[in-house]
C-alpha atoms as a PDB file:
ATOM      1  CA  MET A   1     128.737 -70.221  36.180  1.00  0.00           C
ATOM      2  CA  LEU A   2     130.035 -70.576  32.602  1.00  0.00           C
ATOM      3  CA  TYR A   3     126.829 -72.750  31.947  1.00  0.00           C
ATOM      4  CA  LEU A   4     124.814 -70.057  33.545  1.00  0.00           C
ATOM      5  CA  LEU A   5     126.669 -67.443  31.113  1.00  0.00           C
ATOM      6  CA  GLN A   6     126.095 -69.452  27.904  1.00  0.00           C
ATOM      7  CA  GLY A   7     122.588 -70.166  28.798  1.00  0.00           C
ATOM      8  CA  LEU A   8     121.813 -66.517  29.095  1.00  0.00           C
ATOM      9  CA  HIS A   9     123.418 -65.294  25.837  1.00  0.00           C
ATOM     10  CA  VAL A  10     121.668 -68.755  23.942  1.00  0.00           C
ATOM     11  CA  LEU A  11     118.648 -67.087  25.360  1.00  0.00           C
ATOM     12  CA  LEU A  12     118.795 -63.936  24.231  1.00  0.00           C
ATOM     13  CA  GLY A  13     120.177 -64.284  21.052  1.00  0.00           C
ATOM     14  CA  ILE A  14     117.245 -66.597  20.101  1.00  0.00           C
ATOM     15  CA  PHE A  15     114.941 -64.129  21.470  1.00  0.00           C
ATOM     16  CA  TRP A  16     116.758 -61.000  19.634  1.00  0.00           C
ATOM     17  CA  PHE A  17     116.914 -63.655  16.535  1.00  0.00           C
ATOM     18  CA  GLY A  18     113.582 -65.230  16.609  1.00  0.00           C
ATOM     19  CA  GLY A  19     112.044 -61.424  17.106  1.00  0.00           C
ATOM     20  CA  ALA A  20     113.390 -60.423  13.909  1.00  0.00           C
ATOM     21  CA  MET A  21     111.960 -63.656  12.466  1.00  0.00           C
ATOM     22  CA  PHE A  22     109.112 -63.258  13.884  1.00  0.00           C
ATOM     23  CA  SER A  23     108.642 -59.959  12.737  1.00  0.00           C
ATOM     24  CA  ASP A  24     109.850 -60.850   8.973  1.00  0.00           C
ATOM     25  CA  MET A  25     107.807 -63.368   8.295  1.00  0.00           C
ATOM     26  CA  VAL A  26     104.730 -63.191  10.089  1.00  0.00           C
ATOM     27  CA  VAL A  27     104.065 -59.469  11.389  1.00  0.00           C
ATOM     28  CA  MET A  28     105.258 -57.276   8.402  1.00  0.00           C
ATOM     29  CA  PRO A  29     103.772 -59.513   5.343  1.00  0.00           C
ATOM     30  CA  ALA A  30      99.928 -59.787   7.624  1.00  0.00           C
ATOM     31  CA  VAL A  31     100.621 -55.442   8.291  1.00  0.00           C
ATOM     32  CA  ARG A  32     101.468 -55.675   4.233  1.00  0.00           C
ATOM     33  CA  THR A  33      97.442 -56.340   3.487  1.00  0.00           C
ATOM     34  CA  LEU A  34      96.309 -53.867   5.942  1.00  0.00           C
ATOM     35  CA  ASP A  35      94.667 -50.695   4.577  1.00  0.00           C
ATOM     36  CA  PRO A  36      96.868 -47.527   5.207  1.00  0.00           C
ATOM     37  CA  ALA A  37      95.329 -46.706   8.177  1.00  0.00           C
ATOM     38  CA  GLY A  38      95.454 -49.526   9.706  1.00  0.00           C
ATOM     39  CA  ARG A  39      99.920 -49.798   9.187  1.00  0.00           C
ATOM     40  CA  GLN A  40      99.802 -46.797  11.252  1.00  0.00           C
ATOM     41  CA  ALA A  41      97.518 -47.213  13.644  1.00  0.00           C
ATOM     42  CA  PHE A  42      99.858 -50.897  13.814  1.00  0.00           C
ATOM     43  CA  LEU A  43     103.041 -49.424  13.476  1.00  0.00           C
ATOM     44  CA  ALA A  44     103.390 -47.081  15.898  1.00  0.00           C
ATOM     45  CA  PRO A  45     102.991 -48.267  18.926  1.00  0.00           C
ATOM     46  CA  TYR A  46     104.874 -52.018  17.218  1.00  0.00           C
ATOM     47  CA  ALA A  47     108.028 -49.860  16.813  1.00  0.00           C
ATOM     48  CA  ARG A  48     107.753 -48.169  20.448  1.00  0.00           C
ATOM     49  CA  GLN A  49     107.455 -51.539  21.783  1.00  0.00           C
ATOM     50  CA  ALA A  50     109.960 -52.761  19.435  1.00  0.00           C
ATOM     51  CA  ARG A  51     112.496 -50.925  20.305  1.00  0.00           C
ATOM     52  CA  ARG A  52     112.415 -50.838  24.307  1.00  0.00           C
ATOM     53  CA  VAL A  53     112.695 -54.823  23.887  1.00  0.00           C
ATOM     54  CA  ILE A  54     114.778 -55.357  20.956  1.00  0.00           C
ATOM     55  CA  ALA A  55     117.576 -52.487  22.205  1.00  0.00           C
ATOM     56  CA  PRO A  56     118.428 -54.202  25.633  1.00  0.00           C
ATOM     57  CA  LEU A  57     118.246 -57.559  25.245  1.00  0.00           C
ATOM     58  CA  SER A  58     120.686 -57.151  21.819  1.00  0.00           C
ATOM     59  CA  GLY A  59     122.909 -55.050  24.182  1.00  0.00           C
ATOM     60  CA  LEU A  60     122.746 -57.865  26.610  1.00  0.00           C
ATOM     61  CA  THR A  61     123.244 -60.789  24.117  1.00  0.00           C
ATOM     62  CA  ILE A  62     126.244 -58.662  23.167  1.00  0.00           C
ATOM     63  CA  VAL A  63     127.483 -58.113  26.274  1.00  0.00           C
ATOM     64  CA  PHE A  64     127.275 -61.576  27.704  1.00  0.00           C
ATOM     65  CA  GLY A  65     129.097 -63.040  24.615  1.00  0.00           C
ATOM     66  CA  LEU A  66     131.784 -61.048  25.088  1.00  0.00           C
ATOM     67  CA  ALA A  67     131.946 -62.103  28.722  1.00  0.00           C
ATOM     68  CA  LEU A  68     132.127 -66.004  27.443  1.00  0.00           C
ATOM     69  CA  GLY A  69     135.058 -64.627  25.822  1.00  0.00           C
ATOM     70  CA  PHE A  70     136.828 -64.649  28.727  1.00  0.00           C
ATOM     71  CA  PRO A  71     137.096 -68.294  30.021  1.00  0.00           C
ATOM     72  CA  LEU A  72     136.448 -69.675  26.603  1.00  0.00           C
ATOM     73  CA  GLY A  73     139.780 -68.843  25.109  1.00  0.00           C
ATOM     74  CA  ALA A  74     138.642 -66.751  22.803  1.00  0.00           C
ATOM     75  CA  TRP A  75     140.328 -63.376  23.758  1.00  0.00           C
ATOM     76  CA  SER A  76     143.883 -64.942  24.123  1.00  0.00           C
ATOM     77  CA  ARG A  77     143.629 -66.916  20.588  1.00  0.00           C
ATOM     78  CA  LEU A  78     142.810 -63.822  18.372  1.00  0.00           C
ATOM     79  CA  GLY A  79     145.267 -64.947  16.008  1.00  0.00           C
ATOM     80  CA  SER A  80     143.573 -68.362  15.437  1.00  0.00           C
ATOM     81  CA  LEU A  81     140.614 -69.521  13.450  1.00  0.00           C
ATOM     82  CA  TYR A  82     138.493 -69.477  16.946  1.00  0.00           C
ATOM     83  CA  GLY A  83     139.711 -65.690  17.292  1.00  0.00           C
ATOM     84  CA  GLU A  84     138.958 -64.497  14.360  1.00  0.00           C
ATOM     85  CA  THR A  85     135.414 -66.165  13.906  1.00  0.00           C
ATOM     86  CA  PHE A  86     134.769 -64.704  17.566  1.00  0.00           C
ATOM     87  CA  LEU A  87     135.598 -61.227  16.209  1.00  0.00           C
ATOM     88  CA  ALA A  88     133.675 -61.981  13.572  1.00  0.00           C
ATOM     89  CA  GLY A  89     131.136 -62.199  15.267  1.00  0.00           C
ATOM     90  CA  LEU A  90     131.252 -59.596  17.595  1.00  0.00           C
ATOM     91  CA  VAL A  91     131.249 -57.230  14.754  1.00  0.00           C
ATOM     92  CA  LEU A  92     128.658 -58.563  12.752  1.00  0.00           C
ATOM     93  CA  ALA A  93     126.564 -58.619  16.821  1.00  0.00           C
ATOM     94  CA  VAL A  94     127.445 -54.892  17.316  1.00  0.00           C
ATOM     95  CA  GLY A  95     126.476 -54.075  13.402  1.00  0.00           C
ATOM     96  CA  LEU A  96     123.214 -55.536  13.722  1.00  0.00           C
ATOM     97  CA  SER A  97     122.297 -54.120  16.605  1.00  0.00           C
ATOM     98  CA  PHE A  98     123.299 -50.780  15.053  1.00  0.00           C
ATOM     99  CA  TRP A  99     120.987 -51.846  12.230  1.00  0.00           C
ATOM    100  CA  GLY A 100     118.148 -52.989  13.787  1.00  0.00           C
ATOM    101  CA  ALA A 101     117.925 -49.434  15.991  1.00  0.00           C
ATOM    102  CA  MET A 102     119.184 -46.906  13.053  1.00  0.00           C
ATOM    103  CA  VAL A 103     117.442 -48.672  10.391  1.00  0.00           C
ATOM    104  CA  VAL A 104     114.676 -50.918  11.336  1.00  0.00           C
ATOM    105  CA  GLY A 105     113.539 -49.071  13.949  1.00  0.00           C
ATOM    106  CA  ARG A 106     113.935 -45.808  12.804  1.00  0.00           C
ATOM    107  CA  GLY A 107     111.962 -46.857   9.753  1.00  0.00           C
ATOM    108  CA  ALA A 108     109.556 -48.235  11.179  1.00  0.00           C
ATOM    109  CA  GLU A 109     108.787 -45.237  13.499  1.00  0.00           C
ATOM    110  CA  ARG A 110     108.878 -42.659  10.300  1.00  0.00           C
ATOM    111  CA  LEU A 111     106.221 -45.465   8.795  1.00  0.00           C
ATOM    112  CA  GLY A 112     104.034 -44.833  12.158  1.00  0.00           C
ATOM    113  CA  ALA A 113     104.292 -40.895  11.794  1.00  0.00           C
ATOM    114  CA  LEU A 114     103.496 -40.498   7.669  1.00  0.00           C
ATOM    115  CA  ALA A 115      99.690 -40.121   7.191  1.00  0.00           C
ATOM    116  CA  PRO A 116      97.966 -42.776   5.743  1.00  0.00           C
ATOM    117  CA  ASP A 117      96.996 -41.119   3.055  1.00  0.00           C
ATOM    118  CA  SER A 118     100.891 -39.746   2.640  1.00  0.00           C
ATOM    119  CA  PRO A 119     102.231 -41.009  -1.390  1.00  0.00           C
ATOM    120  CA  ASP A 120     105.535 -41.577   0.041  1.00  0.00           C
ATOM    121  CA  LEU A 121     103.986 -44.677   2.439  1.00  0.00           C
ATOM    122  CA  ASP A 122     104.262 -47.659  -0.008  1.00  0.00           C
ATOM    123  CA  VAL A 123     108.049 -46.235  -0.778  1.00  0.00           C
ATOM    124  CA  ALA A 124     109.123 -46.389   3.066  1.00  0.00           C
ATOM    125  CA  PHE A 125     107.031 -49.351   3.891  1.00  0.00           C
ATOM    126  CA  GLU A 126     109.504 -51.103   1.332  1.00  0.00           C
ATOM    127  CA  ARG A 127     112.267 -49.006   2.256  1.00  0.00           C
ATOM    128  CA  PHE A 128     111.838 -50.416   6.098  1.00  0.00           C
ATOM    129  CA  ARG A 129     110.974 -54.042   4.621  1.00  0.00           C
ATOM    130  CA  ALA A 130     114.377 -54.032   2.592  1.00  0.00           C
ATOM    131  CA  GLY A 131     115.941 -52.995   5.598  1.00  0.00           C
ATOM    132  CA  ALA A 132     114.385 -55.746   7.763  1.00  0.00           C
ATOM    133  CA  VAL A 133     115.522 -58.358   5.183  1.00  0.00           C
ATOM    134  CA  ALA A 134     119.116 -57.167   5.317  1.00  0.00           C
ATOM    135  CA  GLU A 135     118.997 -57.839   8.894  1.00  0.00           C
ATOM    136  CA  LEU A 136     117.550 -61.199   8.748  1.00  0.00           C
ATOM    137  CA  ALA A 137     120.125 -62.274   6.272  1.00  0.00           C
ATOM    138  CA  GLY A 138     122.954 -60.731   8.607  1.00  0.00           C
ATOM    139  CA  PHE A 139     121.317 -62.826  11.584  1.00  0.00           C
ATOM    140  CA  VAL A 140     122.005 -66.138   9.377  1.00  0.00           C
ATOM    141  CA  VAL A 141     125.493 -65.152   8.939  1.00  0.00           C
ATOM    142  CA  LEU A 142     125.819 -64.822  12.784  1.00  0.00           C
ATOM    143  CA  PHE A 143     124.059 -67.929  13.530  1.00  0.00           C
ATOM    144  CA  VAL A 144     126.687 -69.440  10.881  1.00  0.00           C
ATOM    145  CA  LEU A 145     129.500 -68.022  13.003  1.00  0.00           C
ATOM    146  CA  MET A 146     128.039 -68.983  16.532  1.00  0.00           C
ATOM    147  CA  VAL A 147     127.443 -72.204  15.467  1.00  0.00           C
ATOM    148  CA  ALA A 148     130.910 -72.748  14.226  1.00  0.00           C
ATOM    149  CA  LEU A 149     132.124 -71.136  17.583  1.00  0.00           C
ATOM    150  CA  ARG A 150     130.421 -74.254  19.459  1.00  0.00           C
ATOM    151  CA  PHE A 151     132.283 -76.330  17.428  1.00  0.00           C
ATOM    152  CA  GLY A 152     135.569 -74.897  17.293  1.00  0.00           C
ATOM    153  CA  TYR A 153     136.398 -73.037  14.675  1.00  0.00           C
END
């Protein structure tokens, strides 16, 4: 059962982190090359679909991570380096989930709602992109914490 829980946690985490990485490294640079009307046509449905998929995915990843804390002893070793690393990862994961929903997700929805000829379009797109890059940086830190946990730190 432990291996199943770990496997699901890792698989969902890969999907969550990989989705952000693919979006930031492939989708957004491609969207940047589109004319404003094309950006609008793409971003509105993209934001809706991303919210439908990523919100439950991030939530399940966090729930499985919380559940793993019991059999792996993280909750009983909160004063140790392992326990502190576990808590740091948990806090960061919850923060990334909220950041993704509130900053990145809503930023994409705002972009989709702007008129294609709006003078605010480029500024809003760059603000959205900056939020997505910040999210990706958080994922890199979270990945390092998860690797550290795997090796007992």
